[in-house]
Amino acid sequence: MRFEVVILAGGRSRRMGRDKKGLPFGSGTMLERIAHVAGKLGPVRTVVKDSVPNEGPLTGVLTALEQSSAPGALFLSCDMPLVSERLLRDLVKASNGQSAFTIERSMVGFPFFLPRSAVTIVREQLRSGQMSLQKLAAALGAREFHPAERQFGELLNVNTPKDYERAKSALANVAEPIIEIEGMVIRRGKVVIVRDLNWRVAPGEHWAILGANGSGKTSLLSAITGYLTPTEGRIRVLGQEYGESDWRELRKKVGIVSSAVRQMMGESEPALHTVASGSDAVIDSWGPPKRKDAERARAILEDIECSYLADRPWAVLSQGERQRVLIGRALMGNPALLILDEPCAGLDPAAREHFLQFLERLGSRASGPCLTLVTHHVEDIVGPFSKVLLLKNGSALATGATRKMLTNELLSETFSSPVRVFKRKERFFLEVDARPSKII
């Protein structure tokens, strides 16, 4: 359904004593904040001067509908700086192209959706002197939209100086998702690799992505890091949207540890240099690192319990030591997101357990990056990984709390074979039934 987003921003507020749209808010103005969120849904138009002389929101609504060529319009007010993208999308979906108003405290109000055909009734309301949104909603027989989530400040109207201070305080507590994927499809020729994938990683969460070979794990990672372009859908990483931001710059904020990176390291390069090279995201750098980078790399080696490896060349490091050094390299860039792509592959049993113990300590740090672990093995999912995404045939089979995802039923379906899951000392383990699978 095609529609435009309209922000009504005209007039001086008596109670605020000024024009609200220009109020400083975050890194910009209140209007810029709303326009940024609204722009994720479609074209945005700001109505500052109404085409008719009366006061009130209906004159702005009439101005927008008369000037619009779109079949419908989503209306916002410039005094709602904390309205969320999710709420707006839910409202548009609930409207189904018809009139729909948000209900707050038993009253209709912003945001609301109107088809262009509503212009006739808006004119009639103004002619009869009915200026309220309540009367308009009644005359339209509008649907009521009750938001599924009512976070503090989400529908907050800034009408007074006190409201303004509350809104600024609330903004400090509104954090962008680390990863947000909506309706992602990856198709190559006639083959669909990933289909209709939705996934959201909130700040402070550590996730494990679990699936069989061919389930879409590698394609998902490639899309997140900008090396693979989705056919459909949206990807946002650290508040930046794919297609609208410079993904080369974004990659500097995303650390990745994978076999592909491991295989490109120069064999004679000391571990200290390998870690330091993470500051510029280069591989096999020429010459020694800068002094400040070397000092930071040495501190990181100590932090990841590998100080003794500083002068050892890559060629003589064990697989487990290499994985830790690569994590140190990723940490040089102070990443907000650290992706671990099957980090235990190639490790012997002892090295694997030592590495997982290290990973558990890393994930338990309050100031550390968000960790995303990609694996085939439930045994790799240690304590800090409290959420799991199960992939099968390119789709999200299930997402949620680890204890609810790692069940006999869900994992049998994930791996298309009967399995039994059990816990031992707070760790999950999996046994595969030796009988032929009856699961398709």
Protein backbone atom coordinates (compact mmCIF):
# COMPACT_ATOMS: atom_id res chain seq x y z
CA MET A 1 0.00 0.00 0.00
CA ARG A 2 1.43 3.35 -1.10
CA PHE A 3 1.18 6.25 1.34
CA GLU A 4 3.07 9.31 2.47
CA VAL A 5 4.04 10.40 5.96
CA VAL A 6 2.87 13.85 7.00
CA ILE A 7 4.22 15.74 10.01
CA LEU A 8 2.06 18.66 11.16
CA ALA A 9 4.47 21.27 12.43
CA GLY A 10 2.83 24.69 12.11
CA GLY A 11 2.12 27.24 14.79
CA ARG A 12 3.51 28.59 18.02
CA SER A 13 2.73 26.72 21.23
CA ARG A 14 1.23 28.97 23.90
CA ARG A 15 2.30 26.75 26.80
CA MET A 16 5.83 26.24 25.43
CA GLY A 17 6.15 29.88 24.46
CA ARG A 18 7.74 29.04 21.11
CA ASP A 19 7.51 26.99 17.93
CA LYS A 20 8.00 23.38 19.05
CA LYS A 21 9.42 21.95 15.83
CA GLY A 22 12.76 23.70 16.36
CA LEU A 23 13.29 22.60 19.97
CA PRO A 24 16.73 20.99 20.45
CA PHE A 25 16.39 17.24 20.91
CA GLY A 26 19.22 14.72 20.95
CA SER A 27 21.75 15.57 18.23
CA GLY A 28 19.24 17.69 16.27
CA THR A 29 15.79 19.22 16.66
CA MET A 30 12.51 17.64 17.70
CA LEU A 31 11.26 17.76 14.10
CA GLU A 32 14.46 16.17 12.77
CA ARG A 33 14.11 13.34 15.29
CA ILE A 34 10.54 12.56 14.19
CA ALA A 35 11.40 12.90 10.50
CA HIS A 36 14.27 10.43 10.91
CA VAL A 37 11.98 7.78 12.41
CA ALA A 38 9.12 8.49 10.01
CA GLY A 39 11.47 8.40 7.01
CA LYS A 40 11.98 4.68 7.53
CA LEU A 41 8.41 4.11 6.38
CA GLY A 42 8.29 6.26 3.25
CA PRO A 43 8.40 9.80 1.84
CA VAL A 44 7.95 12.49 4.50
CA ARG A 45 6.24 15.86 4.02
CA THR A 46 6.15 18.56 6.68
CA VAL A 47 3.14 20.89 6.74
CA VAL A 48 4.16 24.18 8.34
CA LYS A 49 1.65 26.60 6.84
CA ASP A 50 -2.00 25.59 6.44
CA SER A 51 -3.94 26.41 3.30
CA VAL A 52 -6.96 27.57 5.39
CA PRO A 53 -6.87 30.23 8.15
CA ASN A 54 -8.45 28.30 11.06
CA GLU A 55 -6.43 26.93 13.95
CA GLY A 56 -6.17 23.31 15.04
CA PRO A 57 -4.94 20.02 13.58
CA LEU A 58 -7.80 19.61 11.08
CA THR A 59 -6.59 22.54 8.97
CA GLY A 60 -3.21 20.84 8.65
CA VAL A 61 -4.91 17.53 7.80
CA LEU A 62 -6.99 19.21 5.08
CA THR A 63 -3.90 20.96 3.66
CA ALA A 64 -2.00 17.66 3.45
CA LEU A 65 -4.83 15.67 1.87
CA GLU A 66 -5.58 18.37 -0.72
CA GLN A 67 -1.93 18.53 -1.77
CA SER A 68 -1.30 14.78 -1.76
CA SER A 69 -1.42 12.38 -4.69
CA ALA A 70 -0.87 9.28 -2.54
CA PRO A 71 -3.80 6.93 -1.73
CA GLY A 72 -3.29 7.53 1.98
CA ALA A 73 -1.34 9.44 4.60
CA LEU A 74 0.10 8.66 8.02
CA PHE A 75 -0.18 11.76 10.22
CA LEU A 76 2.21 12.66 13.03
CA SER A 77 2.61 15.75 15.15
CA CYS A 78 5.98 17.42 15.62
CA ASP A 79 5.55 17.22 19.41
CA MET A 80 5.90 13.39 19.57
CA PRO A 81 9.69 12.95 19.42
CA LEU A 82 9.74 9.46 20.98
CA VAL A 83 7.22 7.75 18.73
CA SER A 84 8.71 4.44 17.52
CA GLU A 85 9.04 3.03 14.04
CA ARG A 86 7.46 -0.22 15.17
CA LEU A 87 4.35 1.55 16.46
CA LEU A 88 3.96 3.42 13.17
CA ARG A 89 4.28 0.26 11.12
CA ASP A 90 1.76 -1.53 13.33
CA LEU A 91 -0.69 1.35 12.89
CA VAL A 92 -0.41 1.31 9.09
CA LYS A 93 -0.88 -2.45 9.03
CA ALA A 94 -3.90 -2.27 11.34
CA SER A 95 -5.52 0.45 9.22
CA ASN A 96 -5.62 -1.76 6.11
CA GLY A 97 -5.90 1.42 4.08
CA GLN A 98 -8.88 2.78 6.06
CA SER A 99 -9.13 5.51 8.70
CA ALA A 100 -7.47 4.47 11.97
CA PHE A 101 -6.60 6.51 15.08
CA THR A 102 -4.32 5.68 17.97
CA ILE A 103 -6.14 5.42 21.30
CA GLU A 104 -4.39 6.86 24.33
CA ARG A 105 -6.21 7.30 27.65
CA SER A 106 -9.54 6.50 25.92
CA MET A 107 -9.05 9.40 23.47
CA VAL A 108 -8.15 9.31 19.79
CA GLY A 109 -5.06 11.20 18.70
CA PHE A 110 -1.77 11.17 16.86
CA PRO A 111 -0.47 9.22 15.08
CA PHE A 112 -3.35 8.32 12.77
CA PHE A 113 -3.90 7.07 9.21
CA LEU A 114 -6.37 8.51 6.70
CA PRO A 115 -7.16 7.47 3.13
CA ARG A 116 -7.14 10.38 0.68
CA SER A 117 -10.90 9.96 0.26
CA ALA A 118 -11.31 11.27 3.85
CA VAL A 119 -10.72 14.79 2.52
CA THR A 120 -14.48 15.24 1.88
CA ILE A 121 -15.43 14.56 5.50
CA VAL A 122 -12.57 16.73 6.80
CA ARG A 123 -13.95 19.66 4.75
CA GLU A 124 -17.45 19.05 6.12
CA GLN A 125 -16.15 19.00 9.70
CA LEU A 126 -14.38 22.33 9.22
CA ARG A 127 -17.41 23.94 7.59
CA SER A 128 -19.57 22.94 10.58
CA GLY A 129 -17.01 24.25 13.06
CA GLN A 130 -16.09 20.78 14.38
CA MET A 131 -12.34 21.12 14.97
CA SER A 132 -11.52 18.12 17.14
CA LEU A 133 -9.92 14.81 16.13
CA GLN A 134 -12.54 13.05 18.30
CA LYS A 135 -15.38 14.36 16.10
CA LEU A 136 -13.45 13.58 12.94
CA ALA A 137 -12.81 9.98 14.00
CA ALA A 138 -16.50 9.53 14.81
CA ALA A 139 -17.61 11.01 11.48
CA LEU A 140 -15.21 8.70 9.62
CA GLY A 141 -16.20 5.61 11.59
CA ALA A 142 -12.46 5.17 12.14
CA ARG A 143 -10.84 2.06 13.50
CA GLU A 144 -9.25 2.19 16.94
CA PHE A 145 -5.58 1.28 17.14
CA HIS A 146 -4.30 0.16 20.55
CA PRO A 147 -0.47 -0.06 20.57
CA ALA A 148 0.85 -3.47 21.58
CA GLU A 149 3.67 -1.86 23.54
CA ARG A 150 3.38 1.25 25.70
CA GLN A 151 6.92 2.12 26.62
CA PHE A 152 7.44 5.28 28.66
CA GLY A 153 7.46 8.30 26.42
CA GLU A 154 6.49 6.42 23.28
CA LEU A 155 3.34 8.52 22.81
CA LEU A 156 4.51 11.48 24.85
CA ASN A 157 3.28 14.83 23.55
CA VAL A 158 5.53 17.74 24.43
CA ASN A 159 3.00 20.37 25.48
CA THR A 160 4.76 22.01 28.43
CA PRO A 161 8.34 22.73 29.54
CA LYS A 162 7.96 19.86 32.03
CA ASP A 163 6.99 17.49 29.21
CA TYR A 164 10.04 18.64 27.27
CA GLU A 165 12.39 17.80 30.12
CA ARG A 166 10.71 14.38 30.55
CA ALA A 167 11.11 13.67 26.85
CA LYS A 168 14.81 14.55 26.88
CA SER A 169 15.32 12.33 29.92
CA ALA A 170 13.46 9.46 28.24
CA LEU A 171 15.56 9.81 25.08
CA ALA A 172 18.66 8.92 27.07
CA ASN A 173 17.04 5.55 27.87
CA VAL A 174 15.93 4.77 24.31
CA ALA A 175 18.63 2.57 22.75
CA GLU A 176 18.75 1.53 19.11
CA PRO A 177 18.69 -2.24 18.46
CA ILE A 178 22.09 -3.76 17.71
CA ILE A 179 20.61 -5.72 14.78
CA GLU A 180 17.14 -5.32 13.28
CA ILE A 181 16.08 -7.40 10.28
CA GLU A 182 12.59 -7.23 8.77
CA GLY A 183 11.26 -9.48 5.99
CA MET A 184 14.70 -10.28 4.58
CA VAL A 185 14.85 -12.45 1.47
CA ILE A 186 18.06 -13.51 -0.28
CA ARG A 187 17.53 -15.06 -3.69
CA ARG A 188 20.17 -16.14 -6.18
CA GLY A 189 18.60 -17.01 -9.49
CA LYS A 190 15.68 -19.31 -8.74
CA VAL A 191 17.15 -20.44 -5.42
CA VAL A 192 15.87 -18.79 -2.24
CA ILE A 193 18.67 -18.89 0.34
CA VAL A 194 16.97 -16.86 3.07
CA ARG A 195 13.20 -16.28 3.21
CA ASP A 196 11.11 -13.77 5.16
CA LEU A 197 13.56 -13.51 8.06
CA ASN A 198 12.75 -11.24 11.02
CA TRP A 199 15.25 -10.87 13.85
CA ARG A 200 16.01 -8.23 16.48
CA VAL A 201 18.99 -8.05 18.83
CA ALA A 202 18.61 -5.58 21.69
CA PRO A 203 21.55 -3.91 23.50
CA GLY A 204 23.00 -6.15 26.20
CA GLU A 205 21.83 -9.40 24.57
CA HIS A 206 24.15 -12.22 23.49
CA TRP A 207 22.72 -14.51 20.81
CA ALA A 208 23.59 -17.90 19.37
CA ILE A 209 22.56 -18.77 15.81
CA LEU A 210 22.07 -22.51 15.47
CA GLY A 211 21.32 -24.50 12.33
CA ALA A 212 22.37 -27.35 10.09
CA ASN A 213 24.56 -26.97 7.00
CA GLY A 214 22.64 -25.08 4.34
CA SER A 215 20.28 -23.41 6.81
CA GLY A 216 21.37 -19.90 5.80
CA LYS A 217 23.80 -19.00 8.60
CA THR A 218 26.64 -17.87 6.32
CA SER A 219 24.32 -15.85 4.06
CA LEU A 220 22.80 -14.16 7.11
CA LEU A 221 26.25 -13.12 8.37
CA SER A 222 27.26 -11.88 4.91
CA ALA A 223 24.12 -9.73 4.77
CA ILE A 224 24.70 -8.29 8.26
CA THR A 225 28.26 -7.30 7.36
CA GLY A 226 27.26 -5.86 3.98
CA TYR A 227 29.00 -8.40 1.75
CA LEU A 228 25.74 -9.83 0.40
CA THR A 229 22.83 -7.70 -0.79
CA PRO A 230 19.36 -8.90 0.23
CA THR A 231 16.77 -9.28 -2.52
CA GLU A 232 14.00 -7.95 -0.27
CA GLY A 233 13.55 -6.61 3.25
CA ARG A 234 15.44 -4.28 5.56
CA ILE A 235 18.60 -4.58 7.65
CA ARG A 236 19.67 -2.12 10.33
CA VAL A 237 22.92 -2.61 12.23
CA LEU A 238 23.91 -0.26 15.06
CA GLY A 239 21.24 2.21 13.96
CA GLN A 240 22.42 2.31 10.33
CA GLU A 241 20.25 1.02 7.48
CA TYR A 242 21.63 -1.02 4.62
CA GLY A 243 21.39 0.99 1.41
CA GLU A 244 21.37 4.34 3.20
CA SER A 245 24.69 4.25 5.09
CA ASP A 246 28.33 3.66 4.23
CA TRP A 247 28.72 0.00 5.15
CA ARG A 248 32.50 0.24 4.84
CA GLU A 249 32.52 2.60 7.81
CA LEU A 250 29.96 0.52 9.68
CA ARG A 251 32.12 -2.60 9.39
CA LYS A 252 34.74 -0.87 11.54
CA LYS A 253 32.24 -1.06 14.43
CA VAL A 254 31.54 -4.76 13.85
CA GLY A 255 34.18 -7.30 14.84
CA ILE A 256 34.19 -10.70 13.16
CA VAL A 257 36.15 -13.84 13.95
CA SER A 258 35.94 -16.50 11.24
CA SER A 259 38.00 -19.13 9.46
CA ALA A 260 38.22 -16.80 6.43
CA VAL A 261 40.07 -14.17 8.48
CA ARG A 262 42.21 -16.81 10.17
CA GLN A 263 43.48 -18.15 6.83
CA MET A 264 44.67 -14.74 5.59
CA MET A 265 47.14 -14.03 8.40
CA GLY A 266 50.85 -13.83 7.59
CA GLU A 267 52.71 -16.77 9.17
CA SER A 268 55.64 -14.69 10.40
CA GLU A 269 53.52 -11.92 11.94
CA PRO A 270 53.80 -11.70 15.76
CA ALA A 271 50.57 -11.89 17.73
CA LEU A 272 51.07 -8.31 18.95
CA HIS A 273 51.10 -7.05 15.36
CA THR A 274 48.05 -9.16 14.48
CA VAL A 275 46.05 -7.60 17.29
CA ALA A 276 47.30 -4.07 16.52
CA SER A 277 46.27 -4.43 12.85
CA GLY A 278 42.66 -4.42 14.01
CA SER A 279 42.80 -0.66 14.58
CA ASP A 280 42.80 -0.08 10.80
CA ALA A 281 41.04 -3.34 9.85
CA VAL A 282 44.00 -4.42 7.72
CA ILE A 283 45.60 -7.83 7.28
CA ASP A 284 49.31 -8.59 6.89
CA SER A 285 50.37 -4.99 7.53
CA TRP A 286 53.84 -3.77 6.60
CA GLY A 287 56.19 -2.82 9.37
CA PRO A 288 55.63 -2.55 13.13
CA PRO A 289 52.46 -0.92 14.50
CA LYS A 290 52.34 2.65 15.75
CA ARG A 291 53.36 3.07 19.36
CA LYS A 292 49.85 3.85 20.62
CA ASP A 293 48.45 0.86 18.74
CA ALA A 294 51.14 -1.41 20.10
CA GLU A 295 50.44 -0.27 23.67
CA ARG A 296 46.71 -0.86 23.25
CA ALA A 297 47.33 -4.25 21.60
CA ARG A 298 49.52 -5.31 24.51
CA ALA A 299 46.78 -4.28 26.97
CA ILE A 300 44.21 -6.27 24.98
CA LEU A 301 46.46 -9.35 24.92
CA GLU A 302 46.61 -9.14 28.69
CA ASP A 303 42.85 -8.67 28.84
CA ILE A 304 42.23 -11.81 26.76
CA GLU A 305 44.74 -13.75 28.85
CA CYS A 306 47.34 -14.01 26.05
CA SER A 307 50.18 -11.70 27.12
CA TYR A 308 52.67 -14.56 26.70
CA LEU A 309 51.89 -14.71 22.96
CA ALA A 310 52.90 -11.12 22.12
CA ASP A 311 56.13 -12.00 20.26
CA ARG A 312 55.14 -15.41 18.92
CA PRO A 313 54.57 -15.62 15.14
CA TRP A 314 51.23 -16.74 13.79
CA ALA A 315 52.68 -19.96 12.35
CA VAL A 316 53.46 -21.46 15.78
CA LEU A 317 50.21 -20.53 17.52
CA SER A 318 47.73 -23.29 18.31
CA GLN A 319 44.22 -23.08 16.88
CA GLY A 320 42.82 -22.02 20.24
CA GLU A 321 45.49 -19.32 20.63
CA ARG A 322 44.74 -18.07 17.12
CA GLN A 323 41.06 -17.69 17.94
CA ARG A 324 41.83 -15.67 21.05
CA VAL A 325 44.27 -13.44 19.15
CA LEU A 326 41.64 -12.83 16.45
CA ILE A 327 39.17 -11.82 19.14
CA GLY A 328 41.80 -9.43 20.45
CA ARG A 329 42.25 -8.07 16.93
CA ALA A 330 38.48 -7.52 16.67
CA LEU A 331 38.44 -5.74 20.05
CA MET A 332 41.03 -3.19 18.85
CA GLY A 333 38.26 -1.33 17.05
CA ASN A 334 36.03 -1.12 20.16
CA PRO A 335 33.21 -2.93 18.34
CA ALA A 336 29.64 -2.73 19.60
CA LEU A 337 28.99 -6.09 17.93
CA LEU A 338 31.33 -9.09 17.80
CA ILE A 339 30.39 -11.97 15.48
CA LEU A 340 31.95 -15.37 16.18
CA ASP A 341 31.54 -17.62 13.14
CA GLU A 342 32.03 -21.22 14.31
CA PRO A 343 35.01 -20.25 16.47
CA CYS A 344 35.47 -23.78 17.83
CA ALA A 345 35.95 -25.39 14.42
CA GLY A 346 39.28 -27.21 14.31
CA LEU A 347 39.91 -27.11 18.06
CA ASP A 348 40.77 -30.30 19.91
CA PRO A 349 38.50 -31.17 22.89
CA ALA A 350 40.77 -29.59 25.52
CA ALA A 351 41.42 -26.42 23.50
CA ARG A 352 37.70 -26.15 22.76
CA GLU A 353 36.75 -26.26 26.44
CA HIS A 354 39.42 -23.72 27.36
CA PHE A 355 38.20 -21.42 24.59
CA LEU A 356 34.56 -21.74 25.67
CA GLN A 357 35.51 -20.92 29.26
CA PHE A 358 37.29 -17.82 27.96
CA LEU A 359 34.22 -16.94 25.86
CA GLU A 360 32.03 -17.24 28.94
CA ARG A 361 34.24 -14.79 30.82
CA LEU A 362 34.23 -12.40 27.86
CA GLY A 363 30.44 -12.48 27.59
CA SER A 364 30.01 -11.84 31.30
CA ARG A 365 31.70 -8.42 31.16
CA ALA A 366 29.25 -5.58 31.53
CA SER A 367 31.22 -3.26 29.24
CA GLY A 368 31.93 -5.79 26.49
CA PRO A 369 30.43 -5.93 22.97
CA CYS A 370 27.25 -7.73 22.02
CA LEU A 371 28.25 -11.28 21.06
CA THR A 372 26.67 -13.27 18.24
CA LEU A 373 27.82 -16.89 18.07
CA VAL A 374 27.22 -18.97 14.94
CA THR A 375 27.50 -22.70 15.50
CA HIS A 376 26.29 -26.22 14.69
CA HIS A 377 26.76 -27.41 18.25
CA VAL A 378 24.59 -26.74 21.31
CA GLU A 379 27.61 -27.49 23.48
CA ASP A 380 29.14 -24.20 22.32
CA ILE A 381 26.27 -22.17 23.78
CA VAL A 382 27.70 -21.18 27.15
CA GLY A 383 26.07 -19.13 29.89
CA PRO A 384 26.10 -15.55 28.53
CA PHE A 385 24.20 -16.58 25.37
CA SER A 386 20.70 -16.12 26.71
CA LYS A 387 18.94 -15.99 23.31
CA VAL A 388 18.93 -18.39 20.36
CA LEU A 389 17.88 -18.06 16.72
CA LEU A 390 17.12 -21.45 15.14
CA LEU A 391 17.51 -21.49 11.35
CA LYS A 392 16.13 -24.09 8.97
CA ASN A 393 16.04 -23.89 5.17
CA GLY A 394 16.76 -20.17 5.27
CA SER A 395 13.91 -19.34 7.66
CA ALA A 396 13.72 -18.58 11.35
CA LEU A 397 12.24 -21.75 12.82
CA ALA A 398 12.08 -20.13 16.27
CA THR A 399 13.68 -17.38 18.35
CA GLY A 400 13.71 -16.83 22.08
CA ALA A 401 15.27 -17.67 25.41
CA THR A 402 17.94 -20.36 25.20
CA ARG A 403 16.21 -22.73 27.62
CA LYS A 404 13.03 -22.57 25.52
CA MET A 405 14.81 -23.07 22.18
CA LEU A 406 17.08 -25.98 23.10
CA THR A 407 14.39 -28.65 23.37
CA ASN A 408 14.09 -32.13 21.89
CA GLU A 409 11.22 -31.06 19.62
CA LEU A 410 12.72 -27.86 18.23
CA LEU A 411 16.22 -29.23 17.70
CA SER A 412 14.88 -32.43 16.11
CA GLU A 413 13.14 -30.19 13.58
CA THR A 414 16.17 -27.91 13.21
CA PHE A 415 18.47 -30.79 12.29
CA SER A 416 15.81 -32.98 10.59
CA SER A 417 16.69 -35.90 12.84
CA PRO A 418 15.46 -37.17 16.22
CA VAL A 419 17.70 -35.79 18.96
CA ARG A 420 17.74 -35.68 22.74
CA VAL A 421 18.87 -32.58 24.62
CA PHE A 422 20.15 -32.73 28.19
CA LYS A 423 21.96 -30.46 30.64
CA ARG A 424 25.04 -31.13 32.65
CA LYS A 425 26.50 -28.50 34.97
CA GLU A 426 24.46 -25.71 33.33
CA ARG A 427 25.65 -26.71 29.84
CA PHE A 428 23.48 -28.12 27.07
CA PHE A 429 24.42 -31.29 25.20
CA LEU A 430 22.80 -33.16 22.33
CA GLU A 431 22.56 -36.80 21.38
CA VAL A 432 21.39 -37.94 17.96
CA ASP A 433 19.11 -40.95 17.66
CA ALA A 434 20.89 -43.59 15.59
CA ARG A 435 17.64 -44.70 13.96
CA PRO A 436 16.76 -43.47 10.46
CA SER A 437 15.12 -40.04 10.57
CA LYS A 438 11.40 -39.72 9.90
CA ILE A 439 11.49 -35.95 10.11
CA ILE A 440 11.36 -34.07 6.83
